[in-house]
Structures are given as structure tokens and as C-alpha cells.
């Protein structure tokens, strides 16, 4: 092989490498897309928009929230799975899509454990059980006793079959040995409307959302699913405080975390984790999240991936026989 031929081959290889690198890496000043699988105005979208503002300050580029709803929020995940691993398309994911959907969806198009890169946890949240004001029970113990004395009479709403508040209520019923009728809705808002109106007995909702209805006396709060009382509802006891057998250590909540596509470089993961943690430590964001009833949860990517794996395994035992399209 001649020297000229070798030189041409070398130049071609270098050109190919440069082109591949250019494809894999977006310009440093390119905006970041933050995918959200829920509609604008809801709790996940609200949290994401607050986070996007803080992250934009750390990265020095615009971070824009894009709402891509449908298929139990997995369409937003697919947008990230298909994206280049350059850190410019991220997912502000709520835990049900990561831990529950893989167990109940018949045709989920990706595997959260294999097709995504965990970047950082964002926050934890818990639910509160609220009931119609005309219901006769005032606490968990009275609710359980009423249900056992009136089998099949109580009903609970949820955001749909396989949603976190459906399975959380089912877990409560199973552990306390009661039977309640599940009424699925297309979201938490219409379910709450029917709790207020008395069409259904109760529902579990995110504390940050439900506190508005509780504080305006439209519904009655029975218990929170957190291990300790929540600062937003300090007078509402935990399920564990009820003294009901089977509810010792009852701690069922959710979380938000940031994910990227599979194949991100370790250096990029470390850099983004550092920026995300810095954003979450901004006093303004911490204050707003606390006001909304969220708990701080900041740390390494492994903290997010380990919790997701454990909860996927837990929900697998609760969701047997439950399937959604």
C-alpha cells in the first residue's frame, strides 16, 4: 500500500470520527428539552417548570418543558429513549411510569431499567387519604371498622387502573383486610370532584394537590402515607399511627427523577448530576417545593436507580392480574 493511499485512508477515518462526534454532541449552548408525560398545570408539570428554571441557571442555557402525554406517560419516555445521548433531551419522570407501568402495561415500548440513564433524584412525595365530608368515620381505625361492618359499601377513586393512587389504596385495603370498590377516572381532578359530591367515598391524592381541598373543608383528611407527619398537614396522622394491624410501617409514596437516554458518557452523567443537585439546592426552589408539600431527595444517580428497582419489585407483587392497554 502506497504512502498516499495510507494517508487518504487515515484522513477518511479522521473525518468519519469527527462526523460521528458531531452527531453525538450537540452545541454546548443548545437548549435542553425537559420532557413531561403529563398535561400542563398538573402537579408533575408544575414541579418540572420550577425545576427547569433552576436548572437553566446552572447550565447557562434555556431548559424548556415539553408536555407529551399518553400511554401512562410513557410517550414522554419514548421521546428520551430515541434521543441522542448528548444531554439535550431529558425526562422529568414521575415514579409510577418507572415502577408501576412496566408491571401493568401490556405493550410498554421500552424498559426503564435498560433503556434509560438515571441522572439524579429530584424529590419525594406522599399521598393523603381524603373522604367525603358526610362519611361517618373520622380516622383510619373507624374507616376499617365501618368497612368490615358494611362490606362492599365503600368506594375509592383513582386516576385510572394501574395508577399509583389505585394501587396505593389497594395495598391499604389488602393490608387492613377490608374490601372497597375501585372506580377509575381519567385523572385525579374528576375523581376529587366526585369525592366532594359524594358519588364515591374516598381517594388518595398527592398532598400538595389535596391540601387545597382539605384546607377549604371540601373533603376530610384521614391519614398521610408518609413515615412521619407532613409539614403541609401537621394535624393529619400517618397510617402507621392508626394502630390498625397490618399498617405498621405503612409508607407508600412516589418521587420525581431525571433520566436521559441510554449510552450517555460517564463524564456527562457526572456533570449533569452535579448541575441538577446544584439546582435543587437553590433556596428559591427548595422553598417552593417545601411549600408544595414535597420532601427533599438529592443525591447520586445510583440513589435513583436503586430505589426504582426496589419499587418495581414491590409493585410487581401488588399488580398481579392487573393489566392496562
C-alpha atoms as a PDB file:
ATOM      1  CA  UNK A   1       0.000   0.000   0.000  1.00  0.00           C
ATOM      2  CA  UNK A   2       1.442   3.358  -1.007  1.00  0.00           C
ATOM      3  CA  UNK A   3       2.074   6.209   1.414  1.00  0.00           C
ATOM      4  CA  UNK A   4      -0.544   8.300  -0.393  1.00  0.00           C
ATOM      5  CA  UNK A   5      -3.152   5.538  -0.040  1.00  0.00           C
ATOM      6  CA  UNK A   6      -2.396   5.166   3.670  1.00  0.00           C
ATOM      7  CA  UNK A   7      -2.658   8.911   4.145  1.00  0.00           C
ATOM      8  CA  UNK A   8      -6.017   9.036   2.356  1.00  0.00           C
ATOM      9  CA  UNK A   9      -7.351   6.172   4.472  1.00  0.00           C
ATOM     10  CA  UNK A  10      -6.176   7.911   7.638  1.00  0.00           C
ATOM     11  CA  UNK A  11      -7.783  11.192   6.607  1.00  0.00           C
ATOM     12  CA  UNK A  12     -11.036   9.385   5.800  1.00  0.00           C
ATOM     13  CA  UNK A  13     -11.041   7.697   9.204  1.00  0.00           C
ATOM     14  CA  UNK A  14     -10.409  11.000  10.958  1.00  0.00           C
ATOM     15  CA  UNK A  15     -13.217  12.658   9.014  1.00  0.00           C
ATOM     16  CA  UNK A  16     -15.607   9.837   9.901  1.00  0.00           C
ATOM     17  CA  UNK A  17     -14.669  10.099  13.580  1.00  0.00           C
ATOM     18  CA  UNK A  18     -15.208  13.860  13.545  1.00  0.00           C
ATOM     19  CA  UNK A  19     -18.596  13.463  11.877  1.00  0.00           C
ATOM     20  CA  UNK A  20     -19.668  10.824  14.399  1.00  0.00           C
ATOM     21  CA  UNK A  21     -18.583  13.063  17.283  1.00  0.00           C
ATOM     22  CA  UNK A  22     -20.505  15.991  15.806  1.00  0.00           C
ATOM     23  CA  UNK A  23     -23.638  13.855  15.602  1.00  0.00           C
ATOM     24  CA  UNK A  24     -23.290  12.606  19.191  1.00  0.00           C
ATOM     25  CA  UNK A  25     -22.557  16.018  20.697  1.00  0.00           C
ATOM     26  CA  UNK A  26     -24.914  18.974  20.427  1.00  0.00           C
ATOM     27  CA  UNK A  27     -23.512  22.503  20.730  1.00  0.00           C
ATOM     28  CA  UNK A  28     -22.845  23.426  24.356  1.00  0.00           C
ATOM     29  CA  UNK A  29     -25.205  26.402  24.142  1.00  0.00           C
ATOM     30  CA  UNK A  30     -28.089  24.403  22.649  1.00  0.00           C
ATOM     31  CA  UNK A  31     -31.283  24.456  24.754  1.00  0.00           C
ATOM     32  CA  UNK A  32     -32.273  21.438  26.826  1.00  0.00           C
ATOM     33  CA  UNK A  33     -35.650  19.765  26.298  1.00  0.00           C
ATOM     34  CA  UNK A  34     -37.238  18.540  29.526  1.00  0.00           C
ATOM     35  CA  UNK A  35     -39.934  16.005  28.697  1.00  0.00           C
ATOM     36  CA  UNK A  36     -43.007  15.655  30.937  1.00  0.00           C
ATOM     37  CA  UNK A  37     -45.547  12.890  30.432  1.00  0.00           C
ATOM     38  CA  UNK A  38     -48.462  14.747  31.984  1.00  0.00           C
ATOM     39  CA  UNK A  39     -50.582  17.690  30.902  1.00  0.00           C
ATOM     40  CA  UNK A  40     -49.750  21.313  31.676  1.00  0.00           C
ATOM     41  CA  UNK A  41     -50.986  22.596  35.028  1.00  0.00           C
ATOM     42  CA  UNK A  42     -50.838  19.306  36.915  1.00  0.00           C
ATOM     43  CA  UNK A  43     -48.503  18.570  39.836  1.00  0.00           C
ATOM     44  CA  UNK A  44     -45.789  16.894  37.720  1.00  0.00           C
ATOM     45  CA  UNK A  45     -45.812  19.733  35.190  1.00  0.00           C
ATOM     46  CA  UNK A  46     -45.746  22.308  37.985  1.00  0.00           C
ATOM     47  CA  UNK A  47     -42.741  20.664  39.615  1.00  0.00           C
ATOM     48  CA  UNK A  48     -40.976  20.340  36.273  1.00  0.00           C
ATOM     49  CA  UNK A  49     -41.377  24.007  35.380  1.00  0.00           C
ATOM     50  CA  UNK A  50     -39.969  25.133  38.711  1.00  0.00           C
ATOM     51  CA  UNK A  51     -37.067  22.728  38.251  1.00  0.00           C
ATOM     52  CA  UNK A  52     -36.456  23.825  34.646  1.00  0.00           C
ATOM     53  CA  UNK A  53     -35.979  27.442  35.730  1.00  0.00           C
ATOM     54  CA  UNK A  54     -33.437  26.432  38.376  1.00  0.00           C
ATOM     55  CA  UNK A  55     -31.569  24.039  36.077  1.00  0.00           C
ATOM     56  CA  UNK A  56     -31.376  26.689  33.352  1.00  0.00           C
ATOM     57  CA  UNK A  57     -29.463  28.936  35.762  1.00  0.00           C
ATOM     58  CA  UNK A  58     -26.937  26.176  36.449  1.00  0.00           C
ATOM     59  CA  UNK A  59     -26.427  25.117  32.838  1.00  0.00           C
ATOM     60  CA  UNK A  60     -26.478  28.617  31.397  1.00  0.00           C
ATOM     61  CA  UNK A  61     -28.856  27.570  28.591  1.00  0.00           C
ATOM     62  CA  UNK A  62     -32.645  27.555  28.245  1.00  0.00           C
ATOM     63  CA  UNK A  63     -34.399  24.482  29.647  1.00  0.00           C
ATOM     64  CA  UNK A  64     -37.823  24.142  28.046  1.00  0.00           C
ATOM     65  CA  UNK A  65     -40.586  21.878  29.327  1.00  0.00           C
ATOM     66  CA  UNK A  66     -42.353  19.808  26.677  1.00  0.00           C
ATOM     67  CA  UNK A  67     -45.577  18.022  27.613  1.00  0.00           C
ATOM     68  CA  UNK A  68     -46.037  14.753  25.728  1.00  0.00           C
ATOM     69  CA  UNK A  69     -48.996  12.931  27.234  1.00  0.00           C
ATOM     70  CA  UNK A  70     -50.429   9.500  26.593  1.00  0.00           C
ATOM     71  CA  UNK A  71     -49.851   5.812  27.298  1.00  0.00           C
ATOM     72  CA  UNK A  72     -49.414   6.272  31.060  1.00  0.00           C
ATOM     73  CA  UNK A  73     -46.808   8.986  30.441  1.00  0.00           C
ATOM     74  CA  UNK A  74     -44.586   6.538  28.533  1.00  0.00           C
ATOM     75  CA  UNK A  75     -44.712   8.589  25.310  1.00  0.00           C
ATOM     76  CA  UNK A  76     -42.532  11.194  27.012  1.00  0.00           C
ATOM     77  CA  UNK A  77     -40.151   8.420  27.975  1.00  0.00           C
ATOM     78  CA  UNK A  78     -40.001   7.164  24.393  1.00  0.00           C
ATOM     79  CA  UNK A  79     -39.032  10.654  23.247  1.00  0.00           C
ATOM     80  CA  UNK A  80     -35.993  10.408  25.526  1.00  0.00           C
ATOM     81  CA  UNK A  81     -35.175   6.794  24.659  1.00  0.00           C
ATOM     82  CA  UNK A  82     -34.992   7.770  20.970  1.00  0.00           C
ATOM     83  CA  UNK A  83     -32.935  10.919  21.600  1.00  0.00           C
ATOM     84  CA  UNK A  84     -29.180  11.311  21.150  1.00  0.00           C
ATOM     85  CA  UNK A  85     -27.249  10.719  24.394  1.00  0.00           C
ATOM     86  CA  UNK A  86     -25.900  14.276  24.384  1.00  0.00           C
ATOM     87  CA  UNK A  87     -27.705  15.603  27.471  1.00  0.00           C
ATOM     88  CA  UNK A  88     -30.016  17.842  25.464  1.00  0.00           C
ATOM     89  CA  UNK A  89     -33.161  15.735  25.905  1.00  0.00           C
ATOM     90  CA  UNK A  90     -34.026  14.772  29.473  1.00  0.00           C
ATOM     91  CA  UNK A  91     -37.059  13.292  31.198  1.00  0.00           C
ATOM     92  CA  UNK A  92     -38.613  14.696  34.369  1.00  0.00           C
ATOM     93  CA  UNK A  93     -40.214  11.389  35.266  1.00  0.00           C
ATOM     94  CA  UNK A  94     -42.764  10.551  37.943  1.00  0.00           C
ATOM     95  CA  UNK A  95     -42.197   7.218  39.641  1.00  0.00           C
ATOM     96  CA  UNK A  96     -45.404   5.414  38.512  1.00  0.00           C
ATOM     97  CA  UNK A  97     -44.162   5.330  34.915  1.00  0.00           C
ATOM     98  CA  UNK A  98     -40.830   3.885  36.027  1.00  0.00           C
ATOM     99  CA  UNK A  99     -42.018   1.436  38.701  1.00  0.00           C
ATOM    100  CA  UNK A 100     -45.686   0.597  38.060  1.00  0.00           C
ATOM    101  CA  UNK A 101     -46.193   0.821  34.301  1.00  0.00           C
ATOM    102  CA  UNK A 102     -43.651  -1.942  33.491  1.00  0.00           C
ATOM    103  CA  UNK A 103     -45.748  -4.280  35.649  1.00  0.00           C
ATOM    104  CA  UNK A 104     -49.189  -3.466  34.272  1.00  0.00           C
ATOM    105  CA  UNK A 105     -48.865  -2.242  30.678  1.00  0.00           C
ATOM    106  CA  UNK A 106     -49.396  -4.904  28.044  1.00  0.00           C
ATOM    107  CA  UNK A 107     -47.250  -3.200  25.424  1.00  0.00           C
ATOM    108  CA  UNK A 108     -44.793  -0.841  27.052  1.00  0.00           C
ATOM    109  CA  UNK A 109     -42.357   0.155  24.315  1.00  0.00           C
ATOM    110  CA  UNK A 110     -39.226   0.413  26.456  1.00  0.00           C
ATOM    111  CA  UNK A 111     -37.651  -0.972  29.603  1.00  0.00           C
ATOM    112  CA  UNK A 112     -36.880   1.803  32.126  1.00  0.00           C
ATOM    113  CA  UNK A 113     -34.173  -0.346  33.711  1.00  0.00           C
ATOM    114  CA  UNK A 114     -32.304  -0.909  30.412  1.00  0.00           C
ATOM    115  CA  UNK A 115     -33.166   1.889  28.002  1.00  0.00           C
ATOM    116  CA  UNK A 116     -32.570   4.969  30.158  1.00  0.00           C
ATOM    117  CA  UNK A 117     -29.735   6.576  32.112  1.00  0.00           C
ATOM    118  CA  UNK A 118     -30.581   7.608  35.670  1.00  0.00           C
ATOM    119  CA  UNK A 119     -29.167  11.093  36.293  1.00  0.00           C
ATOM    120  CA  UNK A 120     -30.470  12.292  39.645  1.00  0.00           C
ATOM    121  CA  UNK A 121     -33.367  12.076  42.104  1.00  0.00           C
ATOM    122  CA  UNK A 122     -35.387  15.292  42.458  1.00  0.00           C
ATOM    123  CA  UNK A 123     -37.879  14.909  45.298  1.00  0.00           C
ATOM    124  CA  UNK A 124     -40.174  12.538  47.146  1.00  0.00           C
ATOM    125  CA  UNK A 125     -43.893  12.972  47.663  1.00  0.00           C
ATOM    126  CA  UNK A 126     -46.636  11.237  49.592  1.00  0.00           C
ATOM    127  CA  UNK A 127     -50.380  10.908  49.356  1.00  0.00           C
ATOM    128  CA  UNK A 128     -53.189  11.692  51.736  1.00  0.00           C
ATOM    129  CA  UNK A 129     -56.417   9.717  52.004  1.00  0.00           C
ATOM    130  CA  UNK A 130     -59.389  12.078  51.796  1.00  0.00           C
ATOM    131  CA  UNK A 131     -63.057  11.196  52.243  1.00  0.00           C
ATOM    132  CA  UNK A 132     -66.396  12.830  51.583  1.00  0.00           C
ATOM    133  CA  UNK A 133     -67.392  15.090  54.459  1.00  0.00           C
ATOM    134  CA  UNK A 134     -70.618  13.154  55.074  1.00  0.00           C
ATOM    135  CA  UNK A 135     -68.862   9.854  55.718  1.00  0.00           C
ATOM    136  CA  UNK A 136     -69.258   8.742  59.361  1.00  0.00           C
ATOM    137  CA  UNK A 137     -65.619   7.765  60.058  1.00  0.00           C
ATOM    138  CA  UNK A 138     -63.029  10.268  61.267  1.00  0.00           C
ATOM    139  CA  UNK A 139     -59.838   8.171  61.254  1.00  0.00           C
ATOM    140  CA  UNK A 140     -58.305   5.019  59.779  1.00  0.00           C
ATOM    141  CA  UNK A 141     -59.463   2.739  62.597  1.00  0.00           C
ATOM    142  CA  UNK A 142     -63.071   3.894  62.280  1.00  0.00           C
ATOM    143  CA  UNK A 143     -62.880   3.539  58.477  1.00  0.00           C
ATOM    144  CA  UNK A 144     -61.649  -0.045  58.740  1.00  0.00           C
ATOM    145  CA  UNK A 145     -64.332  -0.916  61.302  1.00  0.00           C
ATOM    146  CA  UNK A 146     -67.050   0.682  59.135  1.00  0.00           C
ATOM    147  CA  UNK A 147     -65.887  -1.192  56.045  1.00  0.00           C
ATOM    148  CA  UNK A 148     -65.904  -4.540  57.842  1.00  0.00           C
ATOM    149  CA  UNK A 149     -69.407  -3.840  59.172  1.00  0.00           C
ATOM    150  CA  UNK A 150     -70.596  -2.708  55.717  1.00  0.00           C
ATOM    151  CA  UNK A 151     -68.771  -4.936  53.188  1.00  0.00           C
ATOM    152  CA  UNK A 152     -68.722  -3.605  49.650  1.00  0.00           C
ATOM    153  CA  UNK A 153     -70.278  -0.262  50.557  1.00  0.00           C
ATOM    154  CA  UNK A 154     -67.151   1.895  50.348  1.00  0.00           C
ATOM    155  CA  UNK A 155     -65.680   3.045  47.048  1.00  0.00           C
ATOM    156  CA  UNK A 156     -62.478   4.817  46.129  1.00  0.00           C
ATOM    157  CA  UNK A 157     -61.481   6.765  43.043  1.00  0.00           C
ATOM    158  CA  UNK A 158     -58.179   6.912  41.205  1.00  0.00           C
ATOM    159  CA  UNK A 159     -56.504   8.423  38.158  1.00  0.00           C
ATOM    160  CA  UNK A 160     -57.047   5.112  36.353  1.00  0.00           C
ATOM    161  CA  UNK A 161     -56.350   1.392  36.500  1.00  0.00           C
ATOM    162  CA  UNK A 162     -52.735   0.829  37.470  1.00  0.00           C
ATOM    163  CA  UNK A 163     -52.208   4.406  38.679  1.00  0.00           C
ATOM    164  CA  UNK A 164     -50.260   4.977  41.879  1.00  0.00           C
ATOM    165  CA  UNK A 165     -53.320   6.028  43.883  1.00  0.00           C
ATOM    166  CA  UNK A 166     -55.239   2.981  42.637  1.00  0.00           C
ATOM    167  CA  UNK A 167     -52.509   0.606  43.765  1.00  0.00           C
ATOM    168  CA  UNK A 168     -51.776   2.549  46.952  1.00  0.00           C
ATOM    169  CA  UNK A 169     -55.423   2.292  48.014  1.00  0.00           C
ATOM    170  CA  UNK A 170     -55.466  -1.382  47.015  1.00  0.00           C
ATOM    171  CA  UNK A 171     -52.394  -2.009  49.167  1.00  0.00           C
ATOM    172  CA  UNK A 172     -54.073  -0.251  52.114  1.00  0.00           C
ATOM    173  CA  UNK A 173     -57.219  -2.353  51.689  1.00  0.00           C
ATOM    174  CA  UNK A 174     -55.212  -5.571  51.423  1.00  0.00           C
ATOM    175  CA  UNK A 175     -53.082  -4.879  54.489  1.00  0.00           C
ATOM    176  CA  UNK A 176     -56.019  -3.783  56.637  1.00  0.00           C
ATOM    177  CA  UNK A 177     -58.247  -6.662  55.489  1.00  0.00           C
ATOM    178  CA  UNK A 178     -61.113  -4.634  54.017  1.00  0.00           C
ATOM    179  CA  UNK A 179     -62.958  -4.671  50.709  1.00  0.00           C
ATOM    180  CA  UNK A 180     -63.619  -1.496  48.709  1.00  0.00           C
ATOM    181  CA  UNK A 181     -64.876  -0.866  45.195  1.00  0.00           C
ATOM    182  CA  UNK A 182     -62.445   0.780  42.779  1.00  0.00           C
ATOM    183  CA  UNK A 183     -63.798   3.492  40.455  1.00  0.00           C
ATOM    184  CA  UNK A 184     -61.174   4.570  37.863  1.00  0.00           C
ATOM    185  CA  UNK A 185     -61.253   8.078  36.351  1.00  0.00           C
ATOM    186  CA  UNK A 186     -59.299   9.862  33.635  1.00  0.00           C
ATOM    187  CA  UNK A 187     -57.195  11.800  36.122  1.00  0.00           C
ATOM    188  CA  UNK A 188     -57.242  12.850  39.757  1.00  0.00           C
ATOM    189  CA  UNK A 189     -59.302  16.028  39.248  1.00  0.00           C
ATOM    190  CA  UNK A 190     -62.589  14.344  38.223  1.00  0.00           C
ATOM    191  CA  UNK A 191     -62.136  11.768  40.975  1.00  0.00           C
ATOM    192  CA  UNK A 192     -61.756  14.524  43.566  1.00  0.00           C
ATOM    193  CA  UNK A 193     -64.877  16.223  42.200  1.00  0.00           C
ATOM    194  CA  UNK A 194     -66.867  13.044  42.857  1.00  0.00           C
ATOM    195  CA  UNK A 195     -65.422  12.646  46.365  1.00  0.00           C
ATOM    196  CA  UNK A 196     -66.596  16.174  47.135  1.00  0.00           C
ATOM    197  CA  UNK A 197     -70.006  15.446  45.597  1.00  0.00           C
ATOM    198  CA  UNK A 198     -70.417  12.131  47.399  1.00  0.00           C
ATOM    199  CA  UNK A 199     -70.537   9.923  44.304  1.00  0.00           C
ATOM    200  CA  UNK A 200     -67.586   7.974  45.727  1.00  0.00           C
ATOM    201  CA  UNK A 201     -66.412   7.603  49.323  1.00  0.00           C
ATOM    202  CA  UNK A 202     -62.740   8.494  49.112  1.00  0.00           C
ATOM    203  CA  UNK A 203     -59.483   8.698  47.186  1.00  0.00           C
ATOM    204  CA  UNK A 204     -55.758   9.110  47.688  1.00  0.00           C
ATOM    205  CA  UNK A 205     -54.204  12.203  46.189  1.00  0.00           C
ATOM    206  CA  UNK A 206     -50.832  13.929  46.272  1.00  0.00           C
ATOM    207  CA  UNK A 207     -50.585  16.043  49.422  1.00  0.00           C
ATOM    208  CA  UNK A 208     -49.629  19.181  47.519  1.00  0.00           C
ATOM    209  CA  UNK A 209     -52.810  18.956  45.410  1.00  0.00           C
ATOM    210  CA  UNK A 210     -55.237  17.693  48.040  1.00  0.00           C
ATOM    211  CA  UNK A 211     -54.241  20.216  50.712  1.00  0.00           C
ATOM    212  CA  UNK A 212     -56.195  22.942  48.877  1.00  0.00           C
ATOM    213  CA  UNK A 213     -59.419  20.935  49.182  1.00  0.00           C
ATOM    214  CA  UNK A 214     -58.649  19.921  52.762  1.00  0.00           C
ATOM    215  CA  UNK A 215     -57.910  23.451  53.948  1.00  0.00           C
ATOM    216  CA  UNK A 216     -61.113  24.740  52.331  1.00  0.00           C
ATOM    217  CA  UNK A 217     -63.111  21.989  54.125  1.00  0.00           C
ATOM    218  CA  UNK A 218     -64.326  20.424  50.879  1.00  0.00           C
ATOM    219  CA  UNK A 219     -63.033  16.991  51.954  1.00  0.00           C
ATOM    220  CA  UNK A 220     -61.830  15.424  55.196  1.00  0.00           C
ATOM    221  CA  UNK A 221     -58.266  14.165  55.558  1.00  0.00           C
ATOM    222  CA  UNK A 222     -57.917  10.760  57.212  1.00  0.00           C
ATOM    223  CA  UNK A 223     -54.207   9.889  57.032  1.00  0.00           C
ATOM    224  CA  UNK A 224     -50.986  10.518  55.109  1.00  0.00           C
ATOM    225  CA  UNK A 225     -48.886   7.749  53.583  1.00  0.00           C
ATOM    226  CA  UNK A 226     -45.557   9.215  54.716  1.00  0.00           C
ATOM    227  CA  UNK A 227     -43.452   7.708  57.529  1.00  0.00           C
ATOM    228  CA  UNK A 228     -43.863  10.930  59.540  1.00  0.00           C
ATOM    229  CA  UNK A 229     -46.449  13.702  59.504  1.00  0.00           C
ATOM    230  CA  UNK A 230     -46.225  16.158  56.646  1.00  0.00           C
ATOM    231  CA  UNK A 231     -45.412  19.813  57.330  1.00  0.00           C
ATOM    232  CA  UNK A 232     -48.229  20.899  54.999  1.00  0.00           C
ATOM    233  CA  UNK A 233     -50.795  18.877  57.022  1.00  0.00           C
ATOM    234  CA  UNK A 234     -49.326  18.705  60.542  1.00  0.00           C
ATOM    235  CA  UNK A 235     -52.627  17.691  62.183  1.00  0.00           C
ATOM    236  CA  UNK A 236     -53.204  14.701  59.905  1.00  0.00           C
ATOM    237  CA  UNK A 237     -51.796  11.431  61.323  1.00  0.00           C
ATOM    238  CA  UNK A 238     -49.903   8.776  59.403  1.00  0.00           C
ATOM    239  CA  UNK A 239     -51.390   5.372  58.591  1.00  0.00           C
ATOM    240  CA  UNK A 240     -48.845   3.815  60.937  1.00  0.00           C
ATOM    241  CA  UNK A 241     -50.228   5.901  63.815  1.00  0.00           C
ATOM    242  CA  UNK A 242     -53.674   4.353  63.407  1.00  0.00           C
ATOM    243  CA  UNK A 243     -52.822   1.248  65.394  1.00  0.00           C
ATOM    244  CA  UNK A 244     -54.538  -0.943  62.782  1.00  0.00           C
ATOM    245  CA  UNK A 245     -52.866  -4.321  62.408  1.00  0.00           C
ATOM    246  CA  UNK A 246     -51.089  -4.635  59.068  1.00  0.00           C
ATOM    247  CA  UNK A 247     -50.384  -0.924  58.725  1.00  0.00           C
ATOM    248  CA  UNK A 248     -47.250  -0.849  60.845  1.00  0.00           C
ATOM    249  CA  UNK A 249     -44.603   0.934  58.820  1.00  0.00           C
ATOM    250  CA  UNK A 250     -47.085   1.665  56.018  1.00  0.00           C
ATOM    251  CA  UNK A 251     -45.015   4.004  53.853  1.00  0.00           C
ATOM    252  CA  UNK A 252     -46.179   4.372  50.263  1.00  0.00           C
ATOM    253  CA  UNK A 253     -45.093   7.373  48.269  1.00  0.00           C
ATOM    254  CA  UNK A 254     -43.724   8.461  44.967  1.00  0.00           C
ATOM    255  CA  UNK A 255     -40.926  10.533  43.560  1.00  0.00           C
ATOM    256  CA  UNK A 256     -39.660  12.513  40.614  1.00  0.00           C
ATOM    257  CA  UNK A 257     -36.323  11.842  38.965  1.00  0.00           C
ATOM    258  CA  UNK A 258     -34.369  12.978  35.924  1.00  0.00           C
ATOM    259  CA  UNK A 259     -33.398  10.483  33.230  1.00  0.00           C
ATOM    260  CA  UNK A 260     -31.516  10.678  29.961  1.00  0.00           C
ATOM    261  CA  UNK A 261     -31.118   8.294  27.011  1.00  0.00           C
ATOM    262  CA  UNK A 262     -29.089   5.123  27.217  1.00  0.00           C
ATOM    263  CA  UNK A 263     -25.433   5.478  26.249  1.00  0.00           C
ATOM    264  CA  UNK A 264     -24.564   8.770  27.929  1.00  0.00           C
ATOM    265  CA  UNK A 265     -20.876   9.078  28.785  1.00  0.00           C
ATOM    266  CA  UNK A 266     -19.882   8.782  32.463  1.00  0.00           C
ATOM    267  CA  UNK A 267     -18.416  12.291  32.310  1.00  0.00           C
ATOM    268  CA  UNK A 268     -21.685  13.750  31.054  1.00  0.00           C
ATOM    269  CA  UNK A 269     -23.698  11.869  33.707  1.00  0.00           C
ATOM    270  CA  UNK A 270     -21.423  13.219  36.441  1.00  0.00           C
ATOM    271  CA  UNK A 271     -21.640  16.751  35.070  1.00  0.00           C
ATOM    272  CA  UNK A 272     -25.439  16.725  34.788  1.00  0.00           C
ATOM    273  CA  UNK A 273     -25.839  15.172  38.225  1.00  0.00           C
ATOM    274  CA  UNK A 274     -23.732  17.978  39.681  1.00  0.00           C
ATOM    275  CA  UNK A 275     -25.807  20.634  37.886  1.00  0.00           C
ATOM    276  CA  UNK A 276     -29.120  19.053  38.899  1.00  0.00           C
ATOM    277  CA  UNK A 277     -28.085  18.836  42.557  1.00  0.00           C
ATOM    278  CA  UNK A 278     -26.941  22.463  42.465  1.00  0.00           C
ATOM    279  CA  UNK A 279     -30.307  23.476  41.003  1.00  0.00           C
ATOM    280  CA  UNK A 280     -32.175  21.568  43.719  1.00  0.00           C
ATOM    281  CA  UNK A 281     -30.102  23.333  46.368  1.00  0.00           C
ATOM    282  CA  UNK A 282     -31.126  26.774  45.157  1.00  0.00           C
ATOM    283  CA  UNK A 283     -33.008  28.399  48.082  1.00  0.00           C
ATOM    284  CA  UNK A 284     -35.920  29.550  45.907  1.00  0.00           C
ATOM    285  CA  UNK A 285     -36.607  26.082  44.504  1.00  0.00           C
ATOM    286  CA  UNK A 286     -36.211  24.396  47.892  1.00  0.00           C
ATOM    287  CA  UNK A 287     -38.710  26.870  49.372  1.00  0.00           C
ATOM    288  CA  UNK A 288     -41.291  26.301  46.629  1.00  0.00           C
ATOM    289  CA  UNK A 289     -41.013  22.524  46.818  1.00  0.00           C
ATOM    290  CA  UNK A 290     -41.438  22.659  50.617  1.00  0.00           C
ATOM    291  CA  UNK A 291     -44.499  24.890  50.226  1.00  0.00           C
ATOM    292  CA  UNK A 292     -45.986  22.302  47.879  1.00  0.00           C
ATOM    293  CA  UNK A 293     -45.533  19.550  50.472  1.00  0.00           C
ATOM    294  CA  UNK A 294     -42.634  17.750  48.805  1.00  0.00           C
ATOM    295  CA  UNK A 295     -39.718  16.155  50.643  1.00  0.00           C
ATOM    296  CA  UNK A 296     -36.117  16.819  49.659  1.00  0.00           C
ATOM    297  CA  UNK A 297     -34.371  13.935  47.890  1.00  0.00           C
ATOM    298  CA  UNK A 298     -30.987  14.792  46.394  1.00  0.00           C
ATOM    299  CA  UNK A 299     -28.078  12.541  45.527  1.00  0.00           C
ATOM    300  CA  UNK A 300     -26.183  10.335  43.108  1.00  0.00           C
ATOM    301  CA  UNK A 301     -27.704   8.551  40.084  1.00  0.00           C
ATOM    302  CA  UNK A 302     -27.408   5.233  41.949  1.00  0.00           C
ATOM    303  CA  UNK A 303     -29.836   6.511  44.586  1.00  0.00           C
ATOM    304  CA  UNK A 304     -32.465   6.911  41.874  1.00  0.00           C
ATOM    305  CA  UNK A 305     -31.804   3.647  40.047  1.00  0.00           C
ATOM    306  CA  UNK A 306     -31.674   1.572  43.254  1.00  0.00           C
ATOM    307  CA  UNK A 307     -34.979   2.928  44.577  1.00  0.00           C
ATOM    308  CA  UNK A 308     -36.635   2.413  41.200  1.00  0.00           C
ATOM    309  CA  UNK A 309     -35.522  -1.234  41.115  1.00  0.00           C
ATOM    310  CA  UNK A 310     -36.779  -1.934  44.631  1.00  0.00           C
ATOM    311  CA  UNK A 311     -40.164  -0.333  43.992  1.00  0.00           C
ATOM    312  CA  UNK A 312     -40.619  -2.129  40.653  1.00  0.00           C
ATOM    313  CA  UNK A 313     -40.202  -5.388  42.548  1.00  0.00           C
ATOM    314  CA  UNK A 314     -42.641  -4.295  45.273  1.00  0.00           C
ATOM    315  CA  UNK A 315     -45.366  -3.232  42.838  1.00  0.00           C
ATOM    316  CA  UNK A 316     -44.947  -6.480  40.900  1.00  0.00           C
ATOM    317  CA  UNK A 317     -46.456  -8.328  43.873  1.00  0.00           C
ATOM    318  CA  UNK A 318     -49.369  -5.862  44.180  1.00  0.00           C
ATOM    319  CA  UNK A 319     -50.241  -5.691  40.480  1.00  0.00           C
ATOM    320  CA  UNK A 320     -50.716  -9.378  39.735  1.00  0.00           C
ATOM    321  CA  UNK A 321     -53.747  -9.753  37.489  1.00  0.00           C
ATOM    322  CA  UNK A 322     -53.928  -6.022  36.675  1.00  0.00           C
ATOM    323  CA  UNK A 323     -53.369  -5.012  33.061  1.00  0.00           C
ATOM    324  CA  UNK A 324     -53.838  -1.780  31.128  1.00  0.00           C
ATOM    325  CA  UNK A 325     -53.527  -1.072  27.429  1.00  0.00           C
END
